[in-house]
């Protein structure tokens, strides 16, 4: 499932994902923008769906103003 335009992105670092989105090594990273500034952080997980949850959490924090 692809994210909608403007929601940020998820990408692997340190490994190649299998067909189910799971990495054997490395971790998934999330990238998003706030006030025109790019923020990148590790999701500290090998599973893509868990990284997607982190990205949605960060997006919600930005919208509500809780993002630091």
Protein backbone atom coordinates (compact mmCIF):
# COMPACT_ATOMS: atom_id res chain seq x y z
CA UNK A 1 0.00 0.00 0.00
CA UNK A 2 1.40 3.35 -1.00
CA UNK A 3 1.20 6.43 1.15
CA UNK A 4 -0.70 9.43 -0.13
CA UNK A 5 1.20 12.35 -1.59
CA UNK A 6 2.66 14.55 1.12
CA UNK A 7 2.63 11.97 3.92
CA UNK A 8 6.37 11.37 3.89
CA UNK A 9 8.26 8.25 2.90
CA UNK A 10 9.64 5.00 4.27
CA UNK A 11 12.85 3.49 2.98
CA UNK A 12 15.27 0.69 3.96
CA UNK A 13 18.87 1.31 5.01
CA UNK A 14 21.43 -1.42 5.41
CA UNK A 15 19.53 -4.21 3.69
CA UNK A 16 17.11 -5.22 0.98
CA UNK A 17 13.49 -6.02 1.90
CA UNK A 18 11.87 -9.31 0.94
CA UNK A 19 8.50 -9.50 -0.82
CA UNK A 20 6.67 -8.96 2.49
CA UNK A 21 8.58 -5.80 3.45
CA UNK A 22 10.79 -7.42 6.10
CA UNK A 23 14.53 -6.74 6.31
CA UNK A 24 17.15 -9.26 7.39
CA UNK A 25 19.65 -6.57 8.39
CA UNK A 26 19.56 -2.81 8.85
CA UNK A 27 16.34 -0.95 9.62
CA UNK A 28 13.55 1.07 8.05
CA UNK A 29 13.83 4.85 8.08
CA UNK A 30 11.10 7.47 7.82
CA UNK A 31 11.37 10.85 6.14
CA UNK A 32 8.89 13.71 6.54
CA UNK A 33 8.75 17.49 6.27
CA UNK A 34 7.73 20.09 8.83
CA UNK A 35 7.76 23.80 7.94
CA UNK A 36 9.80 23.03 4.84
CA UNK A 37 12.54 21.22 6.79
CA UNK A 38 13.23 17.56 6.07
CA UNK A 39 13.40 15.25 9.09
CA UNK A 40 14.75 11.71 8.90
CA UNK A 41 14.80 9.15 11.66
CA UNK A 42 15.24 5.44 12.12
CA UNK A 43 12.15 3.42 12.93
CA UNK A 44 14.35 0.88 14.77
CA UNK A 45 12.48 -2.01 13.20
CA UNK A 46 12.92 -4.64 10.51
CA UNK A 47 9.20 -4.63 9.62
CA UNK A 48 7.84 -2.05 7.16
CA UNK A 49 4.35 -1.87 8.70
CA UNK A 50 5.83 -0.82 12.05
CA UNK A 51 7.77 1.95 10.27
CA UNK A 52 4.53 3.07 8.62
CA UNK A 53 2.93 3.33 12.08
CA UNK A 54 5.79 5.58 13.24
CA UNK A 55 5.38 7.79 10.17
CA UNK A 56 1.65 8.17 10.83
CA UNK A 57 2.41 8.99 14.48
CA UNK A 58 4.87 11.71 13.47
CA UNK A 59 2.39 13.13 10.96
CA UNK A 60 -0.27 13.31 13.68
CA UNK A 61 2.18 15.04 16.05
CA UNK A 62 2.94 17.66 13.40
CA UNK A 63 -0.77 18.33 12.79
CA UNK A 64 -1.63 18.62 16.51
CA UNK A 65 1.47 20.69 17.33
CA UNK A 66 3.01 18.11 19.65
CA UNK A 67 6.09 17.59 17.43
CA UNK A 68 9.25 18.85 19.09
